[in-house]
Amino acid sequence: MNELAAYSTVAITLGLIVTRPSLGLSFRLTPAMSAFAGVAFLFALGIVTPEHWVRAATNLWTPFVAIGSIMVMTEVARRIGLLERGASFIDTQATSTGRLFLFVFVLGVVTSTSFNNDAAILLLTPLVVTLIKRRYPGHPEMALPFAFAVFMSAGVAALPVSNPMNMVVAEFLKISFNDYARHMIPVAVAGWLIAFLVLRAIFASPLTTPIGPAPENARRSTKVQYLMIALLACVLASYPIFGSLGHPVWAVAAAGALLSLVLAWRCQGANPLRVARDGVSWGTLAFLLAVLVMSQGLQEVGLVGRLAALYENAGLATIGMTSSIGSALLNNHPMSYLNMLALQTTSADNISVFAALVGGDLGPRLLPMGSLAGLLWLEMLRRHGVDVSVGRFVRVGLLVAAPTIAVSLAILSLY
């Protein structure tokens, strides 16, 4: 009975997270609210206990510090116009549609790696759509391939800090920064190449459209933007150095966030506390915490055990495909937690964990409900007059994801 109630609760919770229904004229349920409501119901059934909350908080505080710190650095970069400067540079340098498409894809790769995949999708999507509409007047269909370039460039996280979920899993299972990067950078590079080539083939016809004139007056980089670029470069370079010395990633990220706040204060007079408050997505952190507690509830009713039995002695293809399909159907956040708890109880090595992470990163390309970022991407496009049907999303996602997942798992099997 408890098992059925737990599954039903999770299904309803995921439905609320995806649909985000309104409760009145101006109040809409957030993903965090829906997740906490689901956990509250499991608590009422006795499936979730205070011990689960304590365990979740104990496991998550270090990745949360790192995730929050990256959010702060992203906010400072946004406030000083760093991403707008990148888009402006692309705008002035692109002399053809094909070159502009390449530049947009590379900007997505750099942003998702330096900050994280959510930041790349949420911050770049409106910038790129606005840029494309200006360069291609009278061709509204041109926004679609470039919007997909932004979405698909945020593929497999090359670094654990490039995806909040990957960081949580790596911290929980004690996978070092350098071990993660050594295995996943080649996978990410291969995935980027495949995604770019497949997208170029899918949108071959619109990408032959002549490009409009570039702006005459290009924006110049400011001193504070150069300083922020240098700070980000130092932070990224420090991750493997401090990791090899046994120091945690969260400490490096926290130092980077503190220095970025000082930079915003000294160069722009921004209030550091206000910047930190605005930069950290507290709802996202609350959602991650609630989903972990909910996943522990599913562990109590046996779902994690069934998943662990499937993964025990399974090949990378089984783990990766199960994770991909589960992430597409359930959303990658709960699926990543379920994978994490299941693999912890098996004899699986880190390669199996990486296979599960590949599925969690790429599975959301198959269905819109696969990630919160994907749902927000669709919503932002609608607000900018770009409509992507579910059928179009699935067709493009399947064509890109299928070869990317296959090649990614093949590369992991070589280790």
Protein backbone atom coordinates (compact mmCIF):
# COMPACT_ATOMS: atom_id res chain seq x y z
CA MET A 1 0.00 0.00 0.00
CA ASN A 2 2.80 2.39 0.92
CA GLU A 3 4.55 1.59 -2.33
CA LEU A 4 1.50 2.48 -4.42
CA ALA A 5 0.94 5.66 -2.41
CA ALA A 6 4.57 6.68 -2.84
CA TYR A 7 4.53 6.13 -6.61
CA SER A 8 1.24 8.00 -6.95
CA THR A 9 2.58 10.90 -4.90
CA VAL A 10 5.71 11.15 -7.03
CA ALA A 11 3.66 11.00 -10.25
CA ILE A 12 1.34 13.79 -9.07
CA THR A 13 4.29 15.85 -7.85
CA LEU A 14 6.07 15.55 -11.19
CA GLY A 15 2.84 16.52 -12.95
CA LEU A 16 2.62 19.66 -10.83
CA ILE A 17 6.28 20.46 -11.47
CA VAL A 18 5.79 20.19 -15.24
CA THR A 19 2.45 22.03 -15.50
CA ARG A 20 3.05 24.62 -12.73
CA PRO A 21 -0.70 25.27 -12.24
CA SER A 22 -2.01 28.63 -11.06
CA LEU A 23 -3.73 28.92 -7.70
CA GLY A 24 -5.49 32.20 -8.29
CA LEU A 25 -4.96 35.11 -10.63
CA SER A 26 -1.32 35.79 -9.82
CA PHE A 27 -0.03 32.81 -7.85
CA ARG A 28 1.59 29.88 -9.62
CA LEU A 29 3.06 26.78 -7.98
CA THR A 30 6.84 26.67 -8.24
CA PRO A 31 8.76 23.40 -8.65
CA ALA A 32 10.04 23.73 -5.08
CA MET A 33 6.51 24.15 -3.70
CA SER A 34 5.31 21.09 -5.58
CA ALA A 35 8.28 19.02 -4.40
CA PHE A 36 7.77 20.07 -0.77
CA ALA A 37 4.06 19.23 -1.02
CA GLY A 38 4.96 15.76 -2.25
CA VAL A 39 7.45 15.28 0.58
CA ALA A 40 4.86 16.48 3.11
CA PHE A 41 2.43 13.83 1.90
CA LEU A 42 5.08 11.12 2.14
CA PHE A 43 5.85 12.38 5.65
CA ALA A 44 2.17 12.08 6.59
CA LEU A 45 2.23 8.47 5.36
CA GLY A 46 5.29 7.75 7.50
CA ILE A 47 7.45 6.96 4.47
CA VAL A 48 9.64 10.03 4.98
CA THR A 49 10.98 10.83 8.45
CA PRO A 50 13.03 13.69 9.97
CA GLU A 51 16.07 11.44 9.61
CA HIS A 52 15.77 11.70 5.84
CA TRP A 53 15.90 15.50 6.06
CA VAL A 54 18.98 15.38 8.26
CA ARG A 55 20.67 12.92 5.90
CA ALA A 56 19.83 15.06 2.87
CA ALA A 57 21.13 18.25 4.49
CA THR A 58 24.32 16.48 5.57
CA ASN A 59 24.97 15.19 2.05
CA LEU A 60 24.05 18.38 0.22
CA TRP A 61 25.63 21.24 2.13
CA THR A 62 28.99 21.09 0.34
CA PRO A 63 27.59 20.88 -3.22
CA PHE A 64 25.05 23.54 -2.26
CA VAL A 65 27.86 25.91 -1.27
CA ALA A 66 29.52 25.28 -4.65
CA ILE A 67 26.25 25.63 -6.60
CA GLY A 68 25.30 28.81 -4.76
CA SER A 69 28.77 30.24 -5.34
CA ILE A 70 28.53 29.58 -9.08
CA MET A 71 25.13 31.25 -9.10
CA VAL A 72 26.69 34.34 -7.50
CA MET A 73 29.48 34.46 -10.10
CA THR A 74 26.86 34.07 -12.84
CA GLU A 75 24.87 36.99 -11.40
CA VAL A 76 27.94 39.23 -11.28
CA ALA A 77 28.75 38.30 -14.89
CA ARG A 78 25.18 39.15 -15.87
CA ARG A 79 25.20 42.49 -14.04
CA ILE A 80 28.42 43.68 -15.65
CA GLY A 81 27.17 42.66 -19.10
CA LEU A 82 29.71 39.92 -19.76
CA LEU A 83 27.33 37.67 -21.68
CA GLU A 84 25.91 40.63 -23.60
CA ARG A 85 29.49 41.51 -24.54
CA GLY A 86 30.01 37.97 -25.82
CA ALA A 87 26.83 38.19 -27.89
CA SER A 88 27.91 41.59 -29.23
CA PHE A 89 31.29 40.20 -30.25
CA ILE A 90 29.60 37.34 -32.10
CA ASP A 91 27.24 39.80 -33.75
CA THR A 92 30.07 41.88 -35.20
CA GLN A 93 32.29 38.95 -36.23
CA ALA A 94 29.65 36.82 -37.95
CA THR A 95 29.85 37.42 -41.70
CA SER A 96 27.74 34.41 -42.69
CA THR A 97 24.87 32.38 -41.28
CA GLY A 98 27.05 29.30 -40.87
CA ARG A 99 29.69 31.25 -38.97
CA LEU A 100 27.06 32.84 -36.72
CA PHE A 101 25.61 29.41 -35.95
CA LEU A 102 29.06 28.13 -34.98
CA PHE A 103 29.72 31.15 -32.78
CA VAL A 104 26.39 30.80 -30.96
CA PHE A 105 27.02 27.11 -30.33
CA VAL A 106 30.53 27.80 -29.01
CA LEU A 107 29.20 30.58 -26.74
CA GLY A 108 26.75 28.05 -25.31
CA VAL A 109 29.56 25.54 -24.73
CA VAL A 110 31.78 28.10 -23.00
CA THR A 111 28.96 29.44 -20.82
CA SER A 112 27.67 26.00 -19.78
CA THR A 113 31.18 24.84 -18.91
CA SER A 114 32.30 28.00 -17.10
CA PHE A 115 29.06 28.49 -15.14
CA ASN A 116 26.57 25.65 -15.63
CA ASN A 117 24.10 24.31 -18.16
CA ASP A 118 21.09 26.05 -16.63
CA ALA A 119 22.83 29.43 -16.78
CA ALA A 120 23.72 28.89 -20.43
CA ILE A 121 20.16 28.06 -21.43
CA LEU A 122 18.36 30.62 -19.28
CA LEU A 123 20.69 33.58 -19.89
CA LEU A 124 21.65 33.02 -23.52
CA THR A 125 18.26 32.08 -24.97
CA PRO A 126 16.71 35.59 -24.85
CA LEU A 127 20.00 37.19 -25.93
CA VAL A 128 20.38 34.94 -28.96
CA VAL A 129 16.74 35.15 -30.05
CA THR A 130 16.90 38.96 -29.93
CA LEU A 131 20.16 38.94 -31.90
CA ILE A 132 18.76 36.61 -34.59
CA LYS A 133 15.56 38.59 -35.05
CA ARG A 134 17.62 41.72 -35.66
CA ARG A 135 20.02 40.08 -38.13
CA TYR A 136 17.24 38.29 -40.06
CA PRO A 137 14.33 40.73 -40.40
CA GLY A 138 11.38 39.11 -42.10
CA HIS A 139 12.64 35.60 -41.31
CA PRO A 140 11.16 34.66 -37.90
CA GLU A 141 11.86 30.98 -38.61
CA MET A 142 15.60 31.66 -38.25
CA ALA A 143 15.29 31.89 -34.46
CA LEU A 144 14.54 28.17 -34.21
CA PRO A 145 17.91 26.64 -35.26
CA PHE A 146 19.85 29.11 -33.13
CA ALA A 147 17.61 28.48 -30.12
CA PHE A 148 18.27 24.75 -30.49
CA ALA A 149 21.99 25.52 -30.74
CA VAL A 150 21.83 27.14 -27.30
CA PHE A 151 19.83 24.25 -25.83
CA MET A 152 21.91 21.45 -27.32
CA SER A 153 25.31 23.05 -26.60
CA ALA A 154 24.67 22.44 -22.91
CA GLY A 155 25.30 18.70 -23.26
CA VAL A 156 27.34 16.36 -21.07
CA ALA A 157 28.88 18.39 -18.26
CA ALA A 158 32.62 18.41 -18.90
CA LEU A 159 33.27 19.44 -15.27
CA PRO A 160 31.24 18.54 -12.19
CA VAL A 161 30.57 22.24 -11.58
CA SER A 162 28.98 22.50 -15.05
CA ASN A 163 25.79 20.77 -13.87
CA PRO A 164 24.31 21.09 -10.36
CA MET A 165 23.05 17.49 -10.38
CA ASN A 166 26.40 16.10 -11.48
CA MET A 167 28.09 18.00 -8.68
CA VAL A 168 25.69 16.57 -6.11
CA VAL A 169 26.25 13.01 -7.37
CA ALA A 170 30.04 13.44 -7.54
CA GLU A 171 30.17 14.84 -4.00
CA PHE A 172 27.85 12.16 -2.63
CA LEU A 173 29.81 9.29 -4.19
CA LYS A 174 33.22 10.87 -3.41
CA ILE A 175 34.34 11.31 -7.01
CA SER A 176 37.16 13.85 -7.20
CA PHE A 177 37.11 16.82 -9.54
CA ASN A 178 40.10 15.56 -11.51
CA ASP A 179 38.79 12.01 -11.83
CA TYR A 180 35.47 13.36 -13.10
CA ALA A 181 37.12 15.75 -15.58
CA ARG A 182 39.56 13.11 -16.87
CA HIS A 183 36.70 10.82 -17.85
CA MET A 184 34.03 13.30 -18.89
CA ILE A 185 35.91 15.96 -20.87
CA PRO A 186 36.49 13.59 -23.85
CA VAL A 187 32.83 12.52 -23.64
CA ALA A 188 31.67 16.13 -23.59
CA VAL A 189 33.88 17.15 -26.53
CA ALA A 190 32.58 14.25 -28.64
CA GLY A 191 29.01 15.13 -27.68
CA TRP A 192 29.47 18.77 -28.66
CA LEU A 193 30.86 17.81 -32.07
CA ILE A 194 28.05 15.37 -32.77
CA ALA A 195 25.34 17.79 -31.61
CA PHE A 196 26.75 20.58 -33.76
CA LEU A 197 27.03 18.44 -36.89
CA VAL A 198 23.57 16.92 -36.48
CA LEU A 199 21.98 20.32 -35.91
CA ARG A 200 23.74 21.69 -38.99
CA ALA A 201 22.27 18.81 -41.00
CA ILE A 202 18.77 19.18 -39.55
CA PHE A 203 18.64 22.92 -40.22
CA ALA A 204 20.69 22.87 -43.43
CA SER A 205 18.05 24.73 -45.41
CA PRO A 206 17.41 27.72 -43.12
CA LEU A 207 21.13 28.06 -42.42
CA THR A 208 21.63 29.02 -46.07
CA THR A 209 19.59 32.21 -45.54
CA PRO A 210 21.71 35.32 -46.18
CA ILE A 211 22.64 37.17 -43.02
CA GLY A 212 21.78 40.82 -42.47
CA PRO A 213 24.38 43.56 -41.95
CA ALA A 214 26.45 43.55 -38.78
CA PRO A 215 26.15 46.50 -36.39
CA GLU A 216 28.51 49.35 -37.22
CA ASN A 217 29.43 50.22 -33.65
CA ALA A 218 30.60 47.23 -31.66
CA ARG A 219 30.56 47.32 -27.91
CA ARG A 220 33.92 47.62 -26.26
CA SER A 221 34.82 45.47 -23.29
CA THR A 222 35.08 47.35 -20.02
CA LYS A 223 37.76 47.02 -17.40
CA VAL A 224 35.45 45.20 -15.02
CA GLN A 225 34.55 42.69 -17.76
CA TYR A 226 38.21 41.92 -18.37
CA LEU A 227 38.73 41.50 -14.64
CA MET A 228 35.76 39.13 -14.42
CA ILE A 229 37.09 37.06 -17.32
CA ALA A 230 40.45 36.81 -15.55
CA LEU A 231 38.74 35.82 -12.31
CA LEU A 232 36.71 33.09 -14.02
CA ALA A 233 39.83 31.77 -15.74
CA CYS A 234 41.63 31.60 -12.38
CA VAL A 235 38.71 29.79 -10.76
CA LEU A 236 38.51 27.20 -13.56
CA ALA A 237 42.29 26.69 -13.44
CA SER A 238 42.19 26.34 -9.66
CA TYR A 239 39.64 23.51 -9.63
CA PRO A 240 42.06 20.78 -10.87
CA ILE A 241 45.03 22.24 -8.98
CA PHE A 242 43.27 22.30 -5.62
CA GLY A 243 41.58 19.01 -6.43
CA SER A 244 44.95 17.32 -6.90
CA LEU A 245 45.98 18.65 -3.49
CA GLY A 246 42.90 17.16 -1.86
CA HIS A 247 41.05 20.44 -1.34
CA PRO A 248 37.29 20.53 -2.01
CA VAL A 249 35.72 22.15 -5.06
CA TRP A 250 33.25 24.11 -2.97
CA ALA A 251 36.04 26.08 -1.29
CA VAL A 252 37.41 27.22 -4.66
CA ALA A 253 33.93 28.18 -5.88
CA ALA A 254 33.21 30.04 -2.64
CA ALA A 255 36.45 32.00 -2.96
CA GLY A 256 35.56 32.87 -6.56
CA ALA A 257 32.10 34.07 -5.50
CA LEU A 258 33.57 36.23 -2.73
CA LEU A 259 36.09 37.83 -5.11
CA SER A 260 33.38 38.44 -7.73
CA LEU A 261 31.27 40.22 -5.10
CA VAL A 262 34.26 42.38 -4.19
CA LEU A 263 34.75 43.14 -7.88
CA ALA A 264 31.11 44.18 -8.31
CA TRP A 265 31.34 46.35 -5.19
CA ARG A 266 34.61 48.08 -6.03
CA CYS A 267 33.95 48.62 -9.75
CA GLN A 268 30.21 49.20 -9.82
CA GLY A 269 29.28 50.10 -6.26
CA ALA A 270 26.90 47.14 -6.07
CA ASN A 271 25.76 45.98 -2.65
CA PRO A 272 27.40 42.54 -2.18
CA LEU A 273 24.58 41.22 0.01
CA ARG A 274 21.97 42.26 -2.53
CA VAL A 275 23.93 40.73 -5.40
CA ALA A 276 24.28 37.45 -3.48
CA ARG A 277 20.59 37.48 -2.57
CA ASP A 278 19.51 38.08 -6.15
CA GLY A 279 22.05 35.69 -7.63
CA VAL A 280 21.29 32.58 -5.61
CA SER A 281 18.19 30.74 -6.78
CA TRP A 282 16.91 29.65 -3.39
CA GLY A 283 13.96 27.93 -5.02
CA THR A 284 16.30 25.73 -7.05
CA LEU A 285 18.28 24.73 -3.95
CA ALA A 286 15.05 24.00 -2.07
CA PHE A 287 13.83 21.91 -4.99
CA LEU A 288 17.05 19.88 -5.04
CA LEU A 289 16.77 19.25 -1.29
CA ALA A 290 13.12 18.19 -1.47
CA VAL A 291 13.71 15.86 -4.43
CA LEU A 292 16.53 14.10 -2.57
CA VAL A 293 14.25 13.56 0.42
CA MET A 294 11.54 12.24 -1.91
CA SER A 295 14.05 9.89 -3.54
CA GLN A 296 14.96 8.54 -0.12
CA GLY A 297 11.27 7.86 0.40
CA LEU A 298 11.25 5.82 -2.81
CA GLN A 299 14.25 3.97 -1.46
CA GLU A 300 12.20 3.02 1.60
CA VAL A 301 9.44 1.46 -0.53
CA GLY A 302 11.85 -0.57 -2.66
CA LEU A 303 12.19 1.33 -5.94
CA VAL A 304 15.88 2.06 -5.43
CA GLY A 305 16.46 -1.60 -4.62
CA ARG A 306 14.86 -2.65 -7.89
CA LEU A 307 17.00 -0.15 -9.77
CA ALA A 308 20.11 -1.41 -7.96
CA ALA A 309 19.25 -4.99 -8.94
CA LEU A 310 19.00 -3.89 -12.56
CA TYR A 311 22.36 -2.09 -12.38
CA GLU A 312 24.24 -4.88 -10.57
CA ASN A 313 26.63 -6.40 -13.10
CA ALA A 314 24.88 -4.47 -15.89
CA GLY A 315 26.78 -3.02 -18.82
CA LEU A 316 27.24 0.69 -19.41
CA ALA A 317 24.61 0.63 -22.16
CA THR A 318 21.93 -0.61 -19.74
CA ILE A 319 22.80 1.98 -17.11
CA GLY A 320 23.12 4.84 -19.58
CA MET A 321 19.91 4.07 -21.49
CA THR A 322 17.90 3.46 -18.32
CA SER A 323 19.10 6.77 -16.98
CA SER A 324 18.33 8.54 -20.28
CA ILE A 325 14.79 7.20 -20.53
CA GLY A 326 14.14 7.71 -16.83
CA SER A 327 15.39 11.30 -17.01
CA ALA A 328 13.18 12.02 -20.03
CA LEU A 329 10.09 10.60 -18.34
CA LEU A 330 10.65 11.46 -14.67
CA ASN A 331 12.83 14.59 -14.99
CA ASN A 332 16.59 14.33 -14.62
CA HIS A 333 16.72 15.60 -11.03
CA PRO A 334 14.78 12.77 -9.35
CA MET A 335 16.29 10.21 -11.74
CA SER A 336 19.82 11.32 -10.87
CA TYR A 337 19.07 10.94 -7.18
CA LEU A 338 17.57 7.49 -7.71
CA ASN A 339 20.66 6.48 -9.71
CA MET A 340 22.93 7.85 -7.00
CA LEU A 341 21.20 5.92 -4.23
CA ALA A 342 21.00 2.74 -6.34
CA LEU A 343 24.62 2.73 -7.48
CA GLN A 344 25.79 3.37 -3.93
CA THR A 345 24.50 -0.05 -2.93
CA THR A 346 26.02 -1.96 -5.87
CA SER A 347 29.54 -2.99 -6.78
CA ALA A 348 29.50 -0.51 -9.69
CA ASP A 349 32.65 1.53 -10.28
CA ASN A 350 32.92 5.19 -11.20
CA ILE A 351 32.56 4.41 -14.92
CA SER A 352 29.05 3.15 -14.22
CA VAL A 353 28.33 6.38 -12.35
CA PHE A 354 29.56 8.40 -15.33
CA ALA A 355 27.29 6.37 -17.62
CA ALA A 356 24.32 7.26 -15.41
CA LEU A 357 25.35 10.93 -15.46
CA VAL A 358 25.57 10.87 -19.26
CA GLY A 359 21.99 9.63 -19.34
CA GLY A 360 20.93 12.32 -16.89
CA ASP A 361 22.59 15.03 -18.97
CA LEU A 362 21.34 13.88 -22.39
CA GLY A 363 18.01 12.24 -21.54
CA PRO A 364 16.24 15.64 -21.17
CA ARG A 365 16.82 16.20 -24.91
CA LEU A 366 14.22 13.51 -25.62
CA LEU A 367 11.17 15.06 -23.93
CA PRO A 368 10.41 18.61 -22.71
CA MET A 369 9.61 17.47 -19.16
CA GLY A 370 13.09 15.94 -18.87
CA SER A 371 14.53 19.03 -17.17
CA LEU A 372 13.38 22.25 -15.58
CA ALA A 373 15.76 24.14 -17.85
CA GLY A 374 14.06 22.62 -20.90
CA LEU A 375 10.63 23.69 -19.69
CA LEU A 376 11.88 27.21 -18.97
CA TRP A 377 13.60 27.29 -22.38
CA LEU A 378 10.29 26.56 -24.09
CA GLU A 379 8.52 29.19 -21.98
CA MET A 380 11.11 31.86 -22.78
CA LEU A 381 10.86 31.08 -26.49
CA ARG A 382 7.07 31.42 -26.36
CA ARG A 383 7.44 34.81 -24.69
CA HIS A 384 9.71 35.89 -27.55
CA GLY A 385 7.27 34.67 -30.21
CA VAL A 386 9.11 31.42 -31.04
CA ASP A 387 6.90 28.34 -30.87
CA VAL A 388 8.46 24.88 -30.57
CA SER A 389 5.91 22.08 -30.70
CA VAL A 390 6.38 18.95 -28.63
CA GLY A 391 6.68 16.94 -31.83
CA ARG A 392 9.46 19.20 -33.15
CA PHE A 393 11.26 19.05 -29.81
CA VAL A 394 11.12 15.24 -29.77
CA ARG A 395 12.23 14.86 -33.40
CA VAL A 396 15.23 17.16 -33.07
CA GLY A 397 16.06 15.83 -29.61
CA LEU A 398 15.99 12.21 -30.73
CA LEU A 399 18.18 12.86 -33.77
CA VAL A 400 20.75 14.65 -31.62
CA ALA A 401 20.54 12.54 -28.46
CA ALA A 402 20.61 9.04 -29.98
CA PRO A 403 24.08 9.23 -31.58
CA THR A 404 25.43 11.40 -28.75
CA ILE A 405 24.40 8.89 -26.08
CA ALA A 406 25.76 5.97 -28.11
CA VAL A 407 29.15 7.61 -28.73
CA SER A 408 29.40 8.89 -25.15
CA LEU A 409 28.84 5.43 -23.70
CA ALA A 410 31.27 3.93 -26.23
CA ILE A 411 33.98 6.36 -25.10
CA LEU A 412 33.35 5.50 -21.45
CA SER A 413 33.66 1.79 -22.27
CA LEU A 414 37.25 2.40 -23.41
CA TYR A 415 38.39 3.27 -19.89
